[in-house]
């Protein structure tokens, strides 16, 4: 999902976000292992009643400010979303489903203590693990495409149909799955290129992507 406005939040690893997505998904009254499901019914029937303080869903006609199709605010927790997007998510459109899952990520992971990044481009200097938008996108990826689905297929075309997501989002999820299922890698990200391809090399960690080393003693 394209980042429009971003905020600095507390550090969360991919594993942290995966666990949060799995916990949220477990709220489903039907089988949580079903690959594709009606995300609007999930929000209304399964998620909102279990959220502390509840969840108010507000539908609006036309685009929200800053051309955002949806947003989350807190105190009380409110999901404001375009009526068209909500309808399309209910109908199973992949982009609309992703938008709703992304906003669920904000609800589960964040609150009103997030701090806005500077508008001069300085946000790019921050580790992505502090980015509210990156975290919400990563949550959506894990939420819509759990490991059980990746165990069925690692073909992006098939996964996109199986889980009701776009081809590009399926391809990105497969890359992430392969990194974390490869026992060569330690789970740390490379400080040079940002990829999670740091492998043990003696007392050091060496990146298989760019060759950078770190942690040498």
N, C-alpha and C. Protein backbone atom coordinates (compact mmCIF):
# COMPACT_ATOMS: atom_id res chain seq x y z
N UNK A 1 0.85 -1.19 0.00
CA UNK A 1 0.00 0.00 0.00
C UNK A 1 0.88 1.24 0.00
N UNK A 2 0.58 2.22 -0.81
CA UNK A 2 1.40 3.41 -0.91
C UNK A 2 1.32 4.23 0.37
N UNK A 3 2.47 4.62 0.89
CA UNK A 3 2.52 5.42 2.10
C UNK A 3 2.20 6.86 1.79
N UNK A 4 1.19 7.44 2.44
CA UNK A 4 0.83 8.84 2.22
C UNK A 4 1.36 9.67 3.39
N UNK A 5 1.00 9.31 4.58
CA UNK A 5 1.54 9.94 5.79
C UNK A 5 2.07 8.83 6.67
N UNK A 6 3.20 9.09 7.32
CA UNK A 6 3.78 8.05 8.15
C UNK A 6 4.07 8.59 9.54
N UNK A 7 4.14 7.66 10.48
CA UNK A 7 4.36 8.01 11.88
C UNK A 7 5.38 7.06 12.49
N UNK A 8 6.14 7.60 13.42
CA UNK A 8 7.11 6.79 14.14
C UNK A 8 6.41 6.14 15.33
N UNK A 9 6.54 4.83 15.42
CA UNK A 9 5.96 4.06 16.52
C UNK A 9 7.06 3.19 17.11
N UNK A 10 6.73 2.45 18.15
CA UNK A 10 7.77 1.65 18.78
C UNK A 10 8.18 0.50 17.86
N UNK A 11 9.41 0.08 17.99
CA UNK A 11 9.99 -0.97 17.16
C UNK A 11 9.18 -2.26 17.26
N UNK A 12 8.90 -2.86 16.12
CA UNK A 12 8.28 -4.18 16.09
C UNK A 12 8.96 -4.99 14.99
N UNK A 13 9.37 -6.20 15.33
CA UNK A 13 9.98 -7.09 14.35
C UNK A 13 8.90 -7.77 13.53
N UNK A 14 9.30 -8.40 12.43
CA UNK A 14 8.35 -9.17 11.63
C UNK A 14 7.68 -10.25 12.47
N UNK A 15 8.45 -10.90 13.33
CA UNK A 15 7.89 -11.96 14.17
C UNK A 15 6.85 -11.40 15.13
N UNK A 16 7.11 -10.23 15.71
CA UNK A 16 6.14 -9.60 16.60
C UNK A 16 4.83 -9.34 15.85
N UNK A 17 4.96 -8.82 14.64
CA UNK A 17 3.77 -8.48 13.85
C UNK A 17 3.03 -9.74 13.41
N UNK A 18 3.80 -10.77 13.05
CA UNK A 18 3.17 -12.03 12.66
C UNK A 18 2.35 -12.60 13.81
N UNK A 19 2.89 -12.55 15.02
CA UNK A 19 2.16 -13.05 16.19
C UNK A 19 0.89 -12.24 16.44
N UNK A 20 0.99 -10.91 16.27
CA UNK A 20 -0.19 -10.06 16.46
C UNK A 20 -1.26 -10.35 15.42
N UNK A 21 -0.83 -10.60 14.18
CA UNK A 21 -1.78 -10.91 13.11
C UNK A 21 -2.46 -12.25 13.36
N UNK A 22 -1.69 -13.22 13.83
CA UNK A 22 -2.25 -14.54 14.12
C UNK A 22 -3.26 -14.46 15.26
N UNK A 23 -2.96 -13.64 16.27
CA UNK A 23 -3.88 -13.48 17.40
C UNK A 23 -5.18 -12.82 16.93
N UNK A 24 -5.06 -11.81 16.10
CA UNK A 24 -6.25 -11.14 15.58
C UNK A 24 -7.07 -12.10 14.73
N UNK A 25 -6.40 -12.86 13.90
CA UNK A 25 -7.09 -13.81 13.03
C UNK A 25 -7.81 -14.89 13.84
N UNK A 26 -7.27 -15.22 15.00
CA UNK A 26 -7.87 -16.28 15.83
C UNK A 26 -9.22 -15.86 16.41
N UNK A 27 -9.57 -14.59 16.28
CA UNK A 27 -10.87 -14.12 16.77
C UNK A 27 -12.01 -14.60 15.87
N UNK A 28 -11.69 -15.12 14.71
CA UNK A 28 -12.73 -15.57 13.79
C UNK A 28 -13.55 -16.70 14.40
N UNK A 29 -14.87 -16.59 14.26
CA UNK A 29 -15.76 -17.61 14.80
C UNK A 29 -15.74 -18.86 13.95
N UNK A 30 -15.52 -18.69 12.64
CA UNK A 30 -15.34 -19.84 11.77
C UNK A 30 -13.86 -20.21 11.80
N UNK A 31 -13.47 -21.24 11.05
CA UNK A 31 -12.10 -21.73 11.12
C UNK A 31 -11.09 -20.65 10.74
N UNK A 32 -10.12 -20.41 11.63
CA UNK A 32 -9.09 -19.42 11.35
C UNK A 32 -8.13 -19.90 10.27
N UNK A 33 -8.21 -21.17 9.91
CA UNK A 33 -7.31 -21.71 8.91
C UNK A 33 -7.89 -21.64 7.51
N UNK A 34 -9.13 -21.13 7.38
CA UNK A 34 -9.70 -20.90 6.06
C UNK A 34 -8.86 -19.84 5.36
N UNK A 35 -8.46 -20.09 4.13
CA UNK A 35 -7.49 -19.21 3.48
C UNK A 35 -8.07 -17.84 3.15
N UNK A 36 -9.30 -17.80 2.65
CA UNK A 36 -9.92 -16.53 2.28
C UNK A 36 -11.27 -16.42 2.98
N UNK A 37 -11.61 -15.22 3.44
CA UNK A 37 -12.85 -15.04 4.18
C UNK A 37 -13.35 -13.62 3.98
N UNK A 38 -14.58 -13.36 4.38
CA UNK A 38 -15.18 -12.05 4.25
C UNK A 38 -14.64 -11.15 5.36
N UNK A 39 -13.76 -10.23 5.01
CA UNK A 39 -13.08 -9.43 6.03
C UNK A 39 -14.02 -8.43 6.69
N UNK A 40 -15.05 -7.98 5.99
CA UNK A 40 -16.00 -7.06 6.60
C UNK A 40 -16.82 -7.77 7.66
N UNK A 41 -17.27 -8.98 7.36
CA UNK A 41 -17.98 -9.76 8.37
C UNK A 41 -17.08 -10.03 9.57
N UNK A 42 -15.80 -10.27 9.30
CA UNK A 42 -14.86 -10.50 10.40
C UNK A 42 -14.81 -9.28 11.32
N UNK A 43 -14.66 -8.09 10.72
CA UNK A 43 -14.57 -6.87 11.52
C UNK A 43 -15.84 -6.66 12.33
N UNK A 44 -16.99 -6.79 11.68
CA UNK A 44 -18.26 -6.49 12.33
C UNK A 44 -18.67 -7.55 13.36
N UNK A 45 -18.48 -8.82 13.03
CA UNK A 45 -19.00 -9.90 13.86
C UNK A 45 -18.00 -10.43 14.87
N UNK A 46 -16.72 -10.52 14.45
CA UNK A 46 -15.72 -11.19 15.28
C UNK A 46 -14.76 -10.24 15.99
N UNK A 47 -14.28 -9.23 15.27
CA UNK A 47 -13.20 -8.38 15.79
C UNK A 47 -13.73 -7.27 16.71
N UNK A 48 -14.67 -6.49 16.21
CA UNK A 48 -15.15 -5.33 16.97
C UNK A 48 -15.69 -5.68 18.35
N UNK A 49 -16.50 -6.74 18.49
CA UNK A 49 -17.04 -7.05 19.83
C UNK A 49 -15.97 -7.43 20.85
N UNK A 50 -14.82 -7.91 20.39
CA UNK A 50 -13.77 -8.34 21.31
C UNK A 50 -12.74 -7.25 21.59
N UNK A 51 -12.82 -6.15 20.86
CA UNK A 51 -11.86 -5.06 21.05
C UNK A 51 -12.22 -4.26 22.29
N UNK A 52 -11.23 -4.06 23.15
CA UNK A 52 -11.47 -3.29 24.37
C UNK A 52 -11.94 -1.90 24.01
N UNK A 53 -13.10 -1.53 24.53
CA UNK A 53 -13.66 -0.22 24.22
C UNK A 53 -14.50 -0.21 22.96
N UNK A 54 -14.48 -1.34 22.23
CA UNK A 54 -15.29 -1.44 21.02
C UNK A 54 -14.65 -0.74 19.83
N UNK A 55 -15.31 -0.84 18.71
CA UNK A 55 -14.83 -0.23 17.46
C UNK A 55 -16.01 0.42 16.76
N UNK A 56 -15.87 1.69 16.44
CA UNK A 56 -16.87 2.42 15.69
C UNK A 56 -16.44 2.46 14.22
N UNK A 57 -17.30 1.98 13.33
CA UNK A 57 -17.03 2.02 11.89
C UNK A 57 -17.88 3.12 11.28
N UNK A 58 -17.22 4.08 10.62
CA UNK A 58 -17.92 5.21 10.00
C UNK A 58 -17.68 5.15 8.50
N UNK A 59 -18.75 5.07 7.73
CA UNK A 59 -18.64 5.03 6.27
C UNK A 59 -18.89 6.43 5.72
N UNK A 60 -18.06 6.84 4.77
CA UNK A 60 -18.18 8.17 4.17
C UNK A 60 -18.20 8.02 2.65
N UNK A 61 -18.92 8.91 2.00
CA UNK A 61 -18.95 8.94 0.54
C UNK A 61 -17.85 9.89 0.05
N UNK A 62 -17.12 9.46 -0.98
CA UNK A 62 -16.03 10.28 -1.49
C UNK A 62 -14.75 10.04 -0.73
N UNK A 63 -13.66 10.61 -1.25
CA UNK A 63 -12.35 10.38 -0.65
C UNK A 63 -12.17 11.17 0.63
N UNK A 64 -11.44 10.59 1.56
CA UNK A 64 -11.09 11.27 2.79
C UNK A 64 -9.98 12.28 2.51
N UNK A 65 -9.70 13.18 3.45
CA UNK A 65 -8.58 14.11 3.26
C UNK A 65 -7.28 13.38 2.95
N UNK A 66 -6.42 14.00 2.15
CA UNK A 66 -5.13 13.45 1.73
C UNK A 66 -5.32 12.24 0.82
N UNK A 67 -6.51 12.12 0.22
CA UNK A 67 -6.78 11.04 -0.73
C UNK A 67 -6.60 9.66 -0.12
N UNK A 68 -6.87 9.54 1.15
CA UNK A 68 -6.78 8.25 1.82
C UNK A 68 -8.13 7.56 1.77
N UNK A 69 -8.17 6.28 1.43
CA UNK A 69 -9.45 5.57 1.38
C UNK A 69 -9.97 5.16 2.74
N UNK A 70 -9.11 5.21 3.77
CA UNK A 70 -9.53 4.82 5.12
C UNK A 70 -8.54 5.39 6.12
N UNK A 71 -8.98 5.51 7.37
CA UNK A 71 -8.09 5.98 8.43
C UNK A 71 -8.60 5.46 9.76
N UNK A 72 -7.70 5.44 10.73
CA UNK A 72 -8.04 5.03 12.09
C UNK A 72 -7.73 6.17 13.04
N UNK A 73 -8.65 6.46 13.93
CA UNK A 73 -8.42 7.42 15.01
C UNK A 73 -8.74 6.72 16.33
N UNK A 74 -8.31 7.33 17.41
CA UNK A 74 -8.41 6.66 18.72
C UNK A 74 -9.17 7.53 19.72
N UNK A 75 -9.59 6.87 20.80
CA UNK A 75 -10.31 7.53 21.91
C UNK A 75 -11.58 8.23 21.45
N UNK A 76 -12.60 7.52 21.00
CA UNK A 76 -12.69 6.05 20.89
C UNK A 76 -12.08 5.55 19.59
N UNK A 77 -11.77 4.27 19.55
CA UNK A 77 -11.19 3.69 18.34
C UNK A 77 -12.23 3.69 17.23
N UNK A 78 -11.88 4.39 16.13
CA UNK A 78 -12.82 4.59 15.03
C UNK A 78 -12.15 4.28 13.71
N UNK A 79 -12.80 3.45 12.92
CA UNK A 79 -12.34 3.16 11.56
C UNK A 79 -13.27 3.92 10.61
N UNK A 80 -12.70 4.91 9.92
CA UNK A 80 -13.45 5.66 8.92
C UNK A 80 -13.00 5.18 7.55
N UNK A 81 -13.95 4.79 6.72
CA UNK A 81 -13.61 4.18 5.44
C UNK A 81 -14.62 4.60 4.39
N UNK A 82 -14.15 4.75 3.15
CA UNK A 82 -15.05 5.08 2.06
C UNK A 82 -16.10 3.97 1.90
N UNK A 83 -17.32 4.37 1.66
CA UNK A 83 -18.40 3.40 1.46
C UNK A 83 -18.07 2.44 0.34
N UNK A 84 -17.49 2.94 -0.75
CA UNK A 84 -17.15 2.09 -1.89
C UNK A 84 -16.13 1.03 -1.49
N UNK A 85 -15.12 1.42 -0.74
CA UNK A 85 -14.08 0.48 -0.32
C UNK A 85 -14.67 -0.59 0.60
N UNK A 86 -15.53 -0.19 1.51
CA UNK A 86 -16.17 -1.14 2.44
C UNK A 86 -17.02 -2.15 1.66
N UNK A 87 -17.77 -1.64 0.69
CA UNK A 87 -18.60 -2.52 -0.13
C UNK A 87 -17.73 -3.49 -0.93
N UNK A 88 -16.67 -2.99 -1.55
CA UNK A 88 -15.80 -3.84 -2.35
C UNK A 88 -15.06 -4.86 -1.49
N UNK A 89 -14.70 -4.47 -0.27
CA UNK A 89 -14.06 -5.42 0.65
C UNK A 89 -15.03 -6.54 0.99
N UNK A 90 -16.29 -6.20 1.20
CA UNK A 90 -17.31 -7.22 1.50
C UNK A 90 -17.48 -8.17 0.31
N UNK A 91 -17.32 -7.62 -0.90
CA UNK A 91 -17.47 -8.43 -2.11
C UNK A 91 -16.23 -9.23 -2.45
N UNK A 92 -15.11 -8.98 -1.74
CA UNK A 92 -13.91 -9.77 -1.94
C UNK A 92 -12.89 -9.18 -2.89
N UNK A 93 -12.98 -7.89 -3.21
CA UNK A 93 -11.99 -7.26 -4.07
C UNK A 93 -10.64 -7.19 -3.34
N UNK A 94 -9.59 -7.61 -4.02
CA UNK A 94 -8.31 -7.75 -3.31
C UNK A 94 -7.78 -6.43 -2.75
N UNK A 95 -7.88 -5.33 -3.49
CA UNK A 95 -7.32 -4.06 -3.01
C UNK A 95 -8.08 -3.55 -1.80
N UNK A 96 -9.40 -3.67 -1.86
CA UNK A 96 -10.22 -3.22 -0.74
C UNK A 96 -9.98 -4.07 0.50
N UNK A 97 -9.83 -5.38 0.33
CA UNK A 97 -9.53 -6.25 1.46
C UNK A 97 -8.21 -5.86 2.10
N UNK A 98 -7.22 -5.52 1.26
CA UNK A 98 -5.90 -5.11 1.79
C UNK A 98 -6.02 -3.83 2.59
N UNK A 99 -6.80 -2.87 2.08
CA UNK A 99 -6.97 -1.60 2.79
C UNK A 99 -7.56 -1.83 4.18
N UNK A 100 -8.59 -2.66 4.27
CA UNK A 100 -9.20 -2.94 5.57
C UNK A 100 -8.22 -3.67 6.49
N UNK A 101 -7.48 -4.64 5.95
CA UNK A 101 -6.50 -5.37 6.76
C UNK A 101 -5.39 -4.43 7.24
N UNK A 102 -4.98 -3.51 6.39
CA UNK A 102 -3.96 -2.52 6.77
C UNK A 102 -4.45 -1.68 7.95
N UNK A 103 -5.70 -1.22 7.88
CA UNK A 103 -6.25 -0.42 8.98
C UNK A 103 -6.41 -1.24 10.25
N UNK A 104 -6.74 -2.52 10.10
CA UNK A 104 -6.76 -3.41 11.28
C UNK A 104 -5.39 -3.44 11.94
N UNK A 105 -4.35 -3.42 11.11
CA UNK A 105 -2.99 -3.38 11.65
C UNK A 105 -2.77 -2.17 12.53
N UNK A 106 -3.25 -1.01 12.09
CA UNK A 106 -3.13 0.19 12.92
C UNK A 106 -3.90 0.04 14.22
N UNK A 107 -5.07 -0.56 14.16
CA UNK A 107 -5.89 -0.72 15.37
C UNK A 107 -5.19 -1.65 16.36
N UNK A 108 -4.65 -2.76 15.87
CA UNK A 108 -4.03 -3.75 16.74
C UNK A 108 -2.68 -3.28 17.27
N UNK A 109 -1.89 -2.61 16.44
CA UNK A 109 -0.50 -2.32 16.79
C UNK A 109 -0.27 -0.93 17.36
N UNK A 110 -1.17 0.01 17.08
CA UNK A 110 -0.85 1.41 17.38
C UNK A 110 -1.90 2.08 18.25
N UNK A 111 -1.57 3.29 18.68
CA UNK A 111 -2.51 4.11 19.43
C UNK A 111 -2.19 5.57 19.13
N UNK A 112 -2.77 6.47 19.89
CA UNK A 112 -2.61 7.89 19.57
C UNK A 112 -1.31 8.49 20.06
N UNK A 113 -0.35 7.65 20.49
CA UNK A 113 0.95 8.18 20.92
C UNK A 113 1.95 8.23 19.77
N UNK A 114 1.55 7.79 18.56
CA UNK A 114 2.46 7.80 17.42
C UNK A 114 2.91 9.23 17.11
N UNK A 115 4.16 9.36 16.71
CA UNK A 115 4.73 10.68 16.40
C UNK A 115 4.95 10.80 14.90
N UNK A 116 4.50 11.91 14.31
CA UNK A 116 4.62 12.08 12.87
C UNK A 116 6.09 12.24 12.48
N UNK A 117 6.45 11.60 11.35
CA UNK A 117 7.77 11.84 10.78
C UNK A 117 7.81 13.26 10.23
N UNK A 118 9.02 13.81 10.10
CA UNK A 118 9.16 15.14 9.49
C UNK A 118 8.75 15.07 8.04
N UNK A 119 8.29 16.17 7.49
CA UNK A 119 7.80 16.19 6.11
C UNK A 119 8.89 16.50 5.10
N UNK A 120 10.15 16.58 5.54
CA UNK A 120 11.22 16.96 4.62
C UNK A 120 11.95 15.76 4.05
N UNK A 121 11.33 14.58 4.16
CA UNK A 121 11.97 13.38 3.63
C UNK A 121 12.84 12.68 4.63
N UNK A 122 12.96 13.23 5.84
CA UNK A 122 13.82 12.62 6.84
C UNK A 122 13.36 11.27 7.31
N UNK A 123 12.08 10.94 7.06
CA UNK A 123 11.57 9.66 7.52
C UNK A 123 12.30 8.50 6.89
N UNK A 124 12.90 8.71 5.72
CA UNK A 124 13.59 7.64 5.04
C UNK A 124 14.83 7.18 5.81
N UNK A 125 15.31 8.03 6.73
CA UNK A 125 16.51 7.69 7.48
C UNK A 125 16.18 6.73 8.63
N UNK A 126 14.90 6.58 8.94
CA UNK A 126 14.52 5.72 10.05
C UNK A 126 14.46 4.26 9.62
N UNK A 127 14.82 3.38 10.52
CA UNK A 127 14.63 1.95 10.32
C UNK A 127 13.13 1.72 10.09
N UNK A 128 12.82 0.93 9.06
CA UNK A 128 11.41 0.71 8.72
C UNK A 128 10.62 0.08 9.87
N UNK A 129 11.30 -0.60 10.77
CA UNK A 129 10.60 -1.25 11.88
C UNK A 129 9.93 -0.26 12.82
N UNK A 130 10.26 1.04 12.69
CA UNK A 130 9.62 2.09 13.47
C UNK A 130 8.49 2.77 12.69
N UNK A 131 8.27 2.38 11.45
CA UNK A 131 7.28 3.01 10.59
C UNK A 131 5.89 2.43 10.82
N UNK A 132 4.93 3.28 11.14
CA UNK A 132 3.56 2.82 11.36
C UNK A 132 2.98 2.22 10.08
N UNK A 133 3.28 2.82 8.93
CA UNK A 133 2.72 2.33 7.67
C UNK A 133 3.35 0.99 7.27
N UNK A 134 4.65 0.85 7.47
CA UNK A 134 5.29 -0.44 7.17
C UNK A 134 4.74 -1.53 8.08
N UNK A 135 4.57 -1.21 9.34
CA UNK A 135 4.04 -2.20 10.27
C UNK A 135 2.61 -2.62 9.88
N UNK A 136 1.79 -1.66 9.49
CA UNK A 136 0.42 -1.98 9.11
C UNK A 136 0.37 -2.82 7.83
N UNK A 137 1.25 -2.51 6.89
CA UNK A 137 1.32 -3.31 5.67
C UNK A 137 1.79 -4.73 5.97
N UNK A 138 2.78 -4.84 6.85
CA UNK A 138 3.30 -6.16 7.21
C UNK A 138 2.23 -6.96 7.95
N UNK A 139 1.47 -6.30 8.81
CA UNK A 139 0.35 -6.95 9.48
C UNK A 139 -0.65 -7.48 8.46
N UNK A 140 -1.01 -6.65 7.49
CA UNK A 140 -1.97 -7.07 6.46
C UNK A 140 -1.46 -8.29 5.71
N UNK A 141 -0.18 -8.32 5.42
CA UNK A 141 0.41 -9.45 4.69
C UNK A 141 0.28 -10.74 5.50
N UNK A 142 0.66 -10.68 6.77
CA UNK A 142 0.56 -11.87 7.63
C UNK A 142 -0.89 -12.25 7.91
N UNK A 143 -1.75 -11.25 8.06
CA UNK A 143 -3.15 -11.50 8.39
C UNK A 143 -3.88 -12.17 7.24
N UNK A 144 -3.67 -11.67 6.03
CA UNK A 144 -4.37 -12.21 4.86
C UNK A 144 -3.71 -13.47 4.31
N UNK A 145 -2.40 -13.63 4.58
CA UNK A 145 -1.67 -14.78 4.04
C UNK A 145 -0.86 -15.45 5.15
N UNK A 146 -1.49 -16.19 6.03
CA UNK A 146 -0.76 -16.85 7.12
C UNK A 146 0.13 -17.95 6.58
N UNK A 147 1.03 -18.44 7.43
CA UNK A 147 1.96 -19.49 7.01
C UNK A 147 1.24 -20.73 6.51
N UNK A 148 0.04 -21.01 7.04
CA UNK A 148 -0.69 -22.18 6.58
C UNK A 148 -0.97 -22.10 5.08
N UNK A 149 -1.24 -20.89 4.60
CA UNK A 149 -1.49 -20.71 3.17
C UNK A 149 -0.21 -20.88 2.37
N UNK A 150 0.90 -20.37 2.91
CA UNK A 150 2.19 -20.52 2.22
C UNK A 150 2.60 -21.98 2.19
N UNK A 151 2.14 -22.76 3.17
CA UNK A 151 2.43 -24.18 3.15
C UNK A 151 1.71 -24.91 2.04
N UNK A 152 0.63 -24.30 1.53
CA UNK A 152 -0.11 -24.89 0.42
C UNK A 152 0.54 -24.59 -0.92
N UNK A 153 1.01 -23.36 -1.07
CA UNK A 153 1.59 -22.95 -2.35
C UNK A 153 2.54 -21.80 -2.16
N UNK A 154 3.58 -21.77 -2.99
CA UNK A 154 4.49 -20.63 -3.05
C UNK A 154 4.55 -20.10 -4.48
N UNK A 155 3.47 -20.28 -5.18
CA UNK A 155 3.27 -19.70 -6.51
C UNK A 155 2.42 -18.45 -6.31
N UNK A 156 2.96 -17.27 -6.70
CA UNK A 156 2.27 -16.02 -6.42
C UNK A 156 0.90 -15.95 -7.08
N UNK A 157 0.76 -16.48 -8.27
CA UNK A 157 -0.53 -16.46 -8.96
C UNK A 157 -1.57 -17.27 -8.20
N UNK A 158 -1.16 -18.45 -7.74
CA UNK A 158 -2.08 -19.32 -7.00
C UNK A 158 -2.39 -18.72 -5.63
N UNK A 159 -1.36 -18.20 -4.95
CA UNK A 159 -1.56 -17.63 -3.61
C UNK A 159 -2.49 -16.43 -3.66
N UNK A 160 -2.36 -15.62 -4.71
CA UNK A 160 -3.21 -14.44 -4.82
C UNK A 160 -4.68 -14.83 -4.92
N UNK A 161 -4.96 -15.91 -5.65
CA UNK A 161 -6.34 -16.39 -5.78
C UNK A 161 -6.79 -17.07 -4.48
N UNK A 162 -5.91 -17.87 -3.89
CA UNK A 162 -6.25 -18.60 -2.67
C UNK A 162 -6.61 -17.67 -1.53
N UNK A 163 -5.87 -16.56 -1.40
CA UNK A 163 -6.03 -15.67 -0.25
C UNK A 163 -6.75 -14.36 -0.58
N UNK A 164 -7.09 -14.14 -1.84
CA UNK A 164 -7.81 -12.93 -2.20
C UNK A 164 -6.99 -11.68 -2.08
N UNK A 165 -5.74 -11.73 -2.58
CA UNK A 165 -4.84 -10.57 -2.55
C UNK A 165 -4.31 -10.34 -3.96
N UNK A 166 -3.59 -9.24 -4.16
CA UNK A 166 -3.02 -8.97 -5.46
C UNK A 166 -1.80 -9.86 -5.71
N UNK A 167 -1.42 -9.98 -6.96
CA UNK A 167 -0.25 -10.78 -7.31
C UNK A 167 1.00 -10.21 -6.63
N UNK A 168 1.17 -8.88 -6.67
CA UNK A 168 2.37 -8.27 -6.08
C UNK A 168 2.44 -8.51 -4.58
N UNK A 169 1.31 -8.39 -3.88
CA UNK A 169 1.31 -8.63 -2.44
C UNK A 169 1.61 -10.10 -2.13
N UNK A 170 1.12 -11.00 -2.97
CA UNK A 170 1.41 -12.42 -2.79
C UNK A 170 2.90 -12.69 -3.01
N UNK A 171 3.47 -12.07 -4.04
CA UNK A 171 4.89 -12.28 -4.33
C UNK A 171 5.76 -11.76 -3.19
N UNK A 172 5.40 -10.61 -2.62
CA UNK A 172 6.16 -10.06 -1.49
C UNK A 172 6.08 -10.98 -0.28
N UNK A 173 4.90 -11.52 -0.04
CA UNK A 173 4.73 -12.42 1.11
C UNK A 173 5.55 -13.69 0.95
N UNK A 174 5.63 -14.21 -0.26
CA UNK A 174 6.42 -15.41 -0.52
C UNK A 174 7.90 -15.15 -0.24
N UNK A 175 8.39 -13.98 -0.64
CA UNK A 175 9.79 -13.63 -0.37
C UNK A 175 10.06 -13.62 1.14
N UNK A 176 9.15 -13.01 1.88
CA UNK A 176 9.31 -12.94 3.33
C UNK A 176 9.26 -14.32 3.95
N UNK A 177 8.37 -15.14 3.49
CA UNK A 177 8.24 -16.50 4.01
C UNK A 177 9.52 -17.30 3.78
N UNK A 178 10.11 -17.16 2.61
CA UNK A 178 11.31 -17.92 2.28
C UNK A 178 12.50 -17.47 3.12
N UNK A 179 12.56 -16.18 3.41
CA UNK A 179 13.65 -15.68 4.26
C UNK A 179 13.56 -16.29 5.65
N UNK A 180 12.36 -16.28 6.24
CA UNK A 180 12.23 -16.72 7.62
C UNK A 180 12.12 -18.23 7.76
N UNK A 181 11.88 -18.93 6.66
CA UNK A 181 11.87 -20.38 6.73
C UNK A 181 13.23 -20.98 6.37
N UNK A 182 14.18 -20.12 6.00
CA UNK A 182 15.52 -20.57 5.66
C UNK A 182 16.38 -20.51 6.92
N UNK A 183 16.79 -21.65 7.41
CA UNK A 183 17.53 -21.70 8.68
C UNK A 183 18.92 -21.08 8.61
N UNK A 184 19.38 -20.74 7.39
CA UNK A 184 20.68 -20.07 7.29
C UNK A 184 20.63 -18.69 7.92
N UNK A 185 19.48 -18.06 7.89
CA UNK A 185 19.40 -16.66 8.29
C UNK A 185 19.02 -16.51 9.75
N UNK A 186 19.59 -15.47 10.36
CA UNK A 186 19.45 -15.26 11.79
C UNK A 186 18.20 -14.48 12.17
N UNK A 187 17.55 -13.86 11.19
CA UNK A 187 16.35 -13.07 11.48
C UNK A 187 16.63 -11.60 11.65
N UNK A 188 17.93 -11.19 11.59
CA UNK A 188 18.30 -9.79 11.69
C UNK A 188 18.28 -9.16 10.29
N UNK A 189 18.03 -7.86 10.23
CA UNK A 189 18.07 -7.20 8.95
C UNK A 189 19.46 -6.58 8.72
N UNK A 190 19.85 -6.50 7.45
CA UNK A 190 21.15 -5.94 7.11
C UNK A 190 21.13 -4.43 7.27
N UNK A 191 22.09 -3.85 8.01
CA UNK A 191 22.09 -2.40 8.20
C UNK A 191 22.43 -1.63 6.93
N UNK A 192 22.97 -2.33 5.92
CA UNK A 192 23.35 -1.67 4.67
C UNK A 192 22.22 -1.69 3.65
N UNK A 193 21.65 -2.87 3.38
CA UNK A 193 20.64 -2.99 2.31
C UNK A 193 19.23 -3.23 2.85
N UNK A 194 19.09 -3.56 4.15
CA UNK A 194 17.78 -3.75 4.75
C UNK A 194 17.16 -5.11 4.54
N UNK A 195 17.83 -6.01 3.82
CA UNK A 195 17.27 -7.34 3.60
C UNK A 195 17.52 -8.25 4.81
N UNK A 196 16.63 -9.23 4.98
CA UNK A 196 16.75 -10.17 6.10
C UNK A 196 17.52 -11.41 5.65
N UNK A 197 18.74 -11.17 5.18
CA UNK A 197 19.56 -12.27 4.65
C UNK A 197 20.91 -12.28 5.35
N UNK A 198 20.89 -12.09 6.68
CA UNK A 198 22.11 -12.12 7.47
C UNK A 198 22.37 -13.54 7.95
N UNK A 199 23.47 -14.13 7.49
CA UNK A 199 23.84 -15.51 7.84
C UNK A 199 25.09 -15.51 8.70
N UNK A 200 25.22 -16.50 9.56
CA UNK A 200 26.38 -16.62 10.43
C UNK A 200 27.62 -16.94 9.61
N UNK A 201 28.68 -16.18 9.83
CA UNK A 201 29.96 -16.39 9.15
C UNK A 201 31.06 -16.25 10.20
N UNK A 202 31.39 -17.38 10.86
CA UNK A 202 32.33 -17.32 11.98
C UNK A 202 31.70 -16.57 13.13
N UNK A 203 32.40 -15.53 13.61
CA UNK A 203 31.85 -14.72 14.70
C UNK A 203 31.03 -13.56 14.17
N UNK A 204 30.92 -13.42 12.86
CA UNK A 204 30.21 -12.30 12.24
C UNK A 204 28.88 -12.75 11.65
N UNK A 205 28.08 -11.77 11.30
CA UNK A 205 26.91 -11.98 10.45
C UNK A 205 27.22 -11.35 9.11
N UNK A 206 27.02 -12.10 8.04
CA UNK A 206 27.29 -11.59 6.70
C UNK A 206 26.02 -11.63 5.88
N UNK A 207 25.78 -10.55 5.15
CA UNK A 207 24.57 -10.44 4.33
C UNK A 207 24.79 -11.15 2.99
N UNK A 208 23.92 -12.10 2.67
CA UNK A 208 24.00 -12.80 1.40
C UNK A 208 23.62 -11.91 0.23
N UNK A 209 22.93 -10.81 0.52
CA UNK A 209 22.49 -9.92 -0.55
C UNK A 209 23.56 -8.95 -0.99
N UNK A 210 24.17 -8.22 -0.01
CA UNK A 210 25.13 -7.18 -0.38
C UNK A 210 26.54 -7.44 0.14
N UNK A 211 26.70 -8.46 0.99
CA UNK A 211 28.03 -8.81 1.50
C UNK A 211 28.48 -8.06 2.73
N UNK A 212 27.64 -7.17 3.26
CA UNK A 212 28.02 -6.42 4.46
C UNK A 212 28.16 -7.36 5.66
N UNK A 213 29.07 -7.02 6.55
CA UNK A 213 29.26 -7.83 7.76
C UNK A 213 29.00 -6.97 9.00
N UNK A 214 28.58 -7.63 10.07
CA UNK A 214 28.32 -6.92 11.32
C UNK A 214 28.48 -7.89 12.47
N UNK A 215 28.64 -7.36 13.67
CA UNK A 215 28.68 -8.19 14.88
C UNK A 215 29.97 -8.98 15.05
N UNK A 216 31.02 -8.62 14.34
CA UNK A 216 32.28 -9.36 14.47
C UNK A 216 32.93 -9.06 15.81
N UNK A 217 33.50 -10.08 16.43
CA UNK A 217 34.18 -9.89 17.72
C UNK A 217 35.66 -10.21 17.59
